[in-house]
Every structure is written in structure tokens, then in C-alpha cells.
């Protein structure tokens, strides 16, 4: 929240308030920049070593593997790979009602599935490789 004065100043000075569509576009851009996570703010409260600060969160790798992987990654990449991605994988689970849902189903299945606000698998990595290996 230390960027709040800059955010308000940008809203007051950089937004074109005369044209409605341009005004909304400017407000959206400034607000998006305000809420975007800067790489410097990711580790403001952490120690210099991301391995030691997140030992309680990550228990699936040994200290040696963490030390090797953290030396080759930037702090932001390390945080995404070792903290955010495992949390997302464990908490974003597909619906049990449709365990193997693909787009091969008929149109009614897709509509009912999308009305329940669930995920639909659009493609797979192997399918993408098949398409892009021709390029």
C-alpha cells in the first residue's frame, strides 16, 4: 500500500476525464499497474535466501535440491515454482462430477458444465506439440 499516493496522483493527472471510453481505459491501466506485483516487492519482508524463508511451506524437496534450484532461478521464478505452483495444484481441483471432461462431448454437456463455473480442458500439451511441430 506504499504505492497508494502514486496511484491517486496518476488517477488525478494521467486520466483523460473528457472522453468516457478513454477515461475508463486509463483508469483500468493505472489500476492494473497499481495491483500488479513488482519483482522488488516480492521479497521485501523475506530473507535473502528464499530456501530458508519457506522451509515450513515446502516439505517435498530436500535442502540440497532447493539450494541447487534456487541458485539457477531468480527469486521471483523460485517463488512461482516452489510456492505458488504447488499451492495452485493442490487447491484447484476439477469437479468430481466430470472427472474426465473433454471437448469431445456434445454441446449440451459443454453448456451445463460451463454453467457450473468449472474448468474445461481446451487442449493438451501433446496436441499443441502436434500442431506446432509443423511450423
C-alpha atoms as a PDB file:
ATOM      1  CA  UNK A   1       0.000   0.000   0.000  1.00  0.00           C
ATOM      2  CA  UNK A   2       3.019   2.280  -0.061  1.00  0.00           C
ATOM      3  CA  UNK A   3       2.207   2.985  -3.731  1.00  0.00           C
ATOM      4  CA  UNK A   4      -1.247   4.411  -2.932  1.00  0.00           C
ATOM      5  CA  UNK A   5      -0.203   8.094  -3.137  1.00  0.00           C
ATOM      6  CA  UNK A   6       1.362   7.469  -6.550  1.00  0.00           C
ATOM      7  CA  UNK A   7      -1.798   5.660  -7.656  1.00  0.00           C
ATOM      8  CA  UNK A   8      -4.041   8.567  -6.628  1.00  0.00           C
ATOM      9  CA  UNK A   9      -1.675  11.070  -8.242  1.00  0.00           C
ATOM     10  CA  UNK A  10      -1.712   9.133 -11.510  1.00  0.00           C
ATOM     11  CA  UNK A  11      -5.506   8.968 -11.406  1.00  0.00           C
ATOM     12  CA  UNK A  12      -5.672  12.721 -10.950  1.00  0.00           C
ATOM     13  CA  UNK A  13      -3.089  13.672 -13.573  1.00  0.00           C
ATOM     14  CA  UNK A  14      -2.961  10.953 -16.240  1.00  0.00           C
ATOM     15  CA  UNK A  15      -6.637  10.143 -16.771  1.00  0.00           C
ATOM     16  CA  UNK A  16      -8.408  11.892 -19.625  1.00  0.00           C
ATOM     17  CA  UNK A  17     -11.702  12.712 -17.932  1.00  0.00           C
ATOM     18  CA  UNK A  18     -13.355  14.272 -21.006  1.00  0.00           C
ATOM     19  CA  UNK A  19     -13.958  11.138 -23.139  1.00  0.00           C
ATOM     20  CA  UNK A  20     -15.734   8.283 -21.379  1.00  0.00           C
ATOM     21  CA  UNK A  21     -14.129   5.308 -23.164  1.00  0.00           C
ATOM     22  CA  UNK A  22     -10.626   6.779 -22.890  1.00  0.00           C
ATOM     23  CA  UNK A  23     -11.307   7.601 -19.239  1.00  0.00           C
ATOM     24  CA  UNK A  24     -12.245   4.003 -18.430  1.00  0.00           C
ATOM     25  CA  UNK A  25      -9.245   2.705 -20.360  1.00  0.00           C
ATOM     26  CA  UNK A  26      -6.875   4.999 -18.468  1.00  0.00           C
ATOM     27  CA  UNK A  27      -8.388   4.096 -15.102  1.00  0.00           C
ATOM     28  CA  UNK A  28      -8.113   0.395 -15.903  1.00  0.00           C
ATOM     29  CA  UNK A  29      -4.469   0.687 -16.970  1.00  0.00           C
ATOM     30  CA  UNK A  30      -3.466   2.696 -13.912  1.00  0.00           C
ATOM     31  CA  UNK A  31      -5.369   0.360 -11.578  1.00  0.00           C
ATOM     32  CA  UNK A  32      -3.815  -2.708 -13.222  1.00  0.00           C
ATOM     33  CA  UNK A  33      -0.353  -1.236 -12.752  1.00  0.00           C
ATOM     34  CA  UNK A  34      -1.170  -0.463  -9.123  1.00  0.00           C
ATOM     35  CA  UNK A  35      -2.258  -4.036  -8.354  1.00  0.00           C
ATOM     36  CA  UNK A  36       0.496  -5.694 -10.406  1.00  0.00           C
ATOM     37  CA  UNK A  37       3.144  -7.324  -8.241  1.00  0.00           C
ATOM     38  CA  UNK A  38       6.535  -5.789  -8.795  1.00  0.00           C
ATOM     39  CA  UNK A  39       9.522  -8.088  -8.537  1.00  0.00           C
ATOM     40  CA  UNK A  40      11.105  -5.880  -5.871  1.00  0.00           C
ATOM     41  CA  UNK A  41       8.077  -6.172  -3.585  1.00  0.00           C
ATOM     42  CA  UNK A  42       8.007  -9.957  -3.683  1.00  0.00           C
ATOM     43  CA  UNK A  43      10.817 -10.368  -1.191  1.00  0.00           C
ATOM     44  CA  UNK A  44      10.708  -7.136   0.824  1.00  0.00           C
ATOM     45  CA  UNK A  45       9.875  -8.980   4.038  1.00  0.00           C
ATOM     46  CA  UNK A  46      11.837 -12.148   3.275  1.00  0.00           C
ATOM     47  CA  UNK A  47      15.407 -13.024   3.987  1.00  0.00           C
ATOM     48  CA  UNK A  48      17.933 -13.028   1.161  1.00  0.00           C
ATOM     49  CA  UNK A  49      17.636 -16.793   0.780  1.00  0.00           C
ATOM     50  CA  UNK A  50      14.207 -17.977  -0.368  1.00  0.00           C
ATOM     51  CA  UNK A  51      15.041 -21.521   0.737  1.00  0.00           C
ATOM     52  CA  UNK A  52      15.386 -20.636   4.411  1.00  0.00           C
ATOM     53  CA  UNK A  53      12.304 -18.413   4.491  1.00  0.00           C
ATOM     54  CA  UNK A  54       9.924 -21.026   3.113  1.00  0.00           C
ATOM     55  CA  UNK A  55      11.099 -24.237   4.783  1.00  0.00           C
ATOM     56  CA  UNK A  56       7.806 -24.669   6.582  1.00  0.00           C
ATOM     57  CA  UNK A  57       5.816 -24.324   3.366  1.00  0.00           C
ATOM     58  CA  UNK A  58       7.718 -26.742   1.172  1.00  0.00           C
ATOM     59  CA  UNK A  59       8.489 -30.167   2.547  1.00  0.00           C
ATOM     60  CA  UNK A  60       8.679 -32.257  -0.629  1.00  0.00           C
ATOM     61  CA  UNK A  61      12.281 -31.426  -1.591  1.00  0.00           C
ATOM     62  CA  UNK A  62      15.494 -31.828   0.300  1.00  0.00           C
ATOM     63  CA  UNK A  63      17.639 -28.856   1.292  1.00  0.00           C
ATOM     64  CA  UNK A  64      20.274 -29.820  -1.255  1.00  0.00           C
ATOM     65  CA  UNK A  65      17.806 -29.785  -4.152  1.00  0.00           C
ATOM     66  CA  UNK A  66      16.409 -26.445  -3.005  1.00  0.00           C
ATOM     67  CA  UNK A  67      19.875 -24.917  -2.822  1.00  0.00           C
ATOM     68  CA  UNK A  68      20.765 -26.117  -6.323  1.00  0.00           C
ATOM     69  CA  UNK A  69      17.493 -24.973  -7.868  1.00  0.00           C
ATOM     70  CA  UNK A  70      17.480 -21.605  -6.105  1.00  0.00           C
ATOM     71  CA  UNK A  71      20.939 -20.751  -7.387  1.00  0.00           C
ATOM     72  CA  UNK A  72      19.807 -21.106 -11.011  1.00  0.00           C
ATOM     73  CA  UNK A  73      16.483 -19.260 -10.627  1.00  0.00           C
ATOM     74  CA  UNK A  74      15.643 -15.666  -9.900  1.00  0.00           C
ATOM     75  CA  UNK A  75      13.775 -15.093  -6.606  1.00  0.00           C
ATOM     76  CA  UNK A  76      10.529 -14.484  -8.473  1.00  0.00           C
ATOM     77  CA  UNK A  77      10.887 -17.680 -10.544  1.00  0.00           C
ATOM     78  CA  UNK A  78      11.782 -19.645  -7.419  1.00  0.00           C
ATOM     79  CA  UNK A  79       8.684 -18.361  -5.620  1.00  0.00           C
ATOM     80  CA  UNK A  80       6.429 -19.280  -8.532  1.00  0.00           C
ATOM     81  CA  UNK A  81       7.950 -22.740  -8.992  1.00  0.00           C
ATOM     82  CA  UNK A  82       8.274 -23.805  -5.357  1.00  0.00           C
ATOM     83  CA  UNK A  83       5.489 -21.966  -3.531  1.00  0.00           C
ATOM     84  CA  UNK A  84       2.712 -20.737  -5.826  1.00  0.00           C
ATOM     85  CA  UNK A  85       2.589 -23.649  -8.286  1.00  0.00           C
ATOM     86  CA  UNK A  86       2.318 -26.418  -5.638  1.00  0.00           C
ATOM     87  CA  UNK A  87      -0.392 -24.468  -3.816  1.00  0.00           C
ATOM     88  CA  UNK A  88      -2.340 -23.943  -7.047  1.00  0.00           C
ATOM     89  CA  UNK A  89      -2.001 -27.608  -7.992  1.00  0.00           C
ATOM     90  CA  UNK A  90      -3.286 -28.741  -4.621  1.00  0.00           C
ATOM     91  CA  UNK A  91      -6.190 -26.299  -4.376  1.00  0.00           C
ATOM     92  CA  UNK A  92      -7.511 -26.101  -7.947  1.00  0.00           C
ATOM     93  CA  UNK A  93      -9.167 -29.467  -8.341  1.00  0.00           C
ATOM     94  CA  UNK A  94     -11.538 -30.423 -11.162  1.00  0.00           C
ATOM     95  CA  UNK A  95     -15.158 -31.176 -10.460  1.00  0.00           C
ATOM     96  CA  UNK A  96     -15.832 -34.728  -9.286  1.00  0.00           C
ATOM     97  CA  UNK A  97     -18.995 -34.755 -11.349  1.00  0.00           C
ATOM     98  CA  UNK A  98     -16.973 -34.562 -14.571  1.00  0.00           C
ATOM     99  CA  UNK A  99     -13.634 -36.232 -13.813  1.00  0.00           C
ATOM    100  CA  UNK A 100     -12.552 -36.740 -17.440  1.00  0.00           C
ATOM    101  CA  UNK A 101     -14.342 -33.996 -19.289  1.00  0.00           C
ATOM    102  CA  UNK A 102     -13.066 -33.225 -22.798  1.00  0.00           C
ATOM    103  CA  UNK A 103     -14.424 -31.245 -25.700  1.00  0.00           C
ATOM    104  CA  UNK A 104     -15.431 -34.478 -27.443  1.00  0.00           C
ATOM    105  CA  UNK A 105     -18.784 -34.317 -25.645  1.00  0.00           C
ATOM    106  CA  UNK A 106     -21.876 -32.811 -27.196  1.00  0.00           C
ATOM    107  CA  UNK A 107     -22.927 -29.179 -26.968  1.00  0.00           C
ATOM    108  CA  UNK A 108     -25.380 -29.707 -24.067  1.00  0.00           C
ATOM    109  CA  UNK A 109     -22.657 -31.235 -21.873  1.00  0.00           C
ATOM    110  CA  UNK A 110     -20.401 -28.258 -22.505  1.00  0.00           C
ATOM    111  CA  UNK A 111     -23.154 -25.751 -21.688  1.00  0.00           C
ATOM    112  CA  UNK A 112     -24.142 -27.480 -18.449  1.00  0.00           C
ATOM    113  CA  UNK A 113     -20.506 -27.799 -17.454  1.00  0.00           C
ATOM    114  CA  UNK A 114     -19.787 -24.130 -18.119  1.00  0.00           C
ATOM    115  CA  UNK A 115     -22.872 -23.050 -16.155  1.00  0.00           C
ATOM    116  CA  UNK A 116     -21.409 -24.712 -13.066  1.00  0.00           C
ATOM    117  CA  UNK A 117     -18.324 -22.461 -13.305  1.00  0.00           C
ATOM    118  CA  UNK A 118     -15.889 -25.342 -13.709  1.00  0.00           C
ATOM    119  CA  UNK A 119     -12.803 -25.747 -15.851  1.00  0.00           C
ATOM    120  CA  UNK A 120     -12.901 -27.214 -19.339  1.00  0.00           C
ATOM    121  CA  UNK A 121      -9.768 -28.728 -20.858  1.00  0.00           C
ATOM    122  CA  UNK A 122      -9.302 -26.986 -24.179  1.00  0.00           C
ATOM    123  CA  UNK A 123      -6.181 -28.779 -25.327  1.00  0.00           C
ATOM    124  CA  UNK A 124      -3.247 -30.774 -24.078  1.00  0.00           C
ATOM    125  CA  UNK A 125       0.472 -30.340 -24.425  1.00  0.00           C
ATOM    126  CA  UNK A 126       0.762 -33.303 -26.795  1.00  0.00           C
ATOM    127  CA  UNK A 127      -1.898 -31.811 -29.062  1.00  0.00           C
ATOM    128  CA  UNK A 128      -0.057 -28.485 -29.105  1.00  0.00           C
ATOM    129  CA  UNK A 129       3.204 -30.226 -29.992  1.00  0.00           C
ATOM    130  CA  UNK A 130       1.466 -31.922 -32.922  1.00  0.00           C
ATOM    131  CA  UNK A 131       0.216 -28.578 -34.219  1.00  0.00           C
ATOM    132  CA  UNK A 132       3.365 -26.531 -33.716  1.00  0.00           C
ATOM    133  CA  UNK A 133       5.924 -29.089 -34.863  1.00  0.00           C
ATOM    134  CA  UNK A 134       4.813 -28.323 -38.418  1.00  0.00           C
ATOM    135  CA  UNK A 135       5.848 -24.683 -38.093  1.00  0.00           C
END
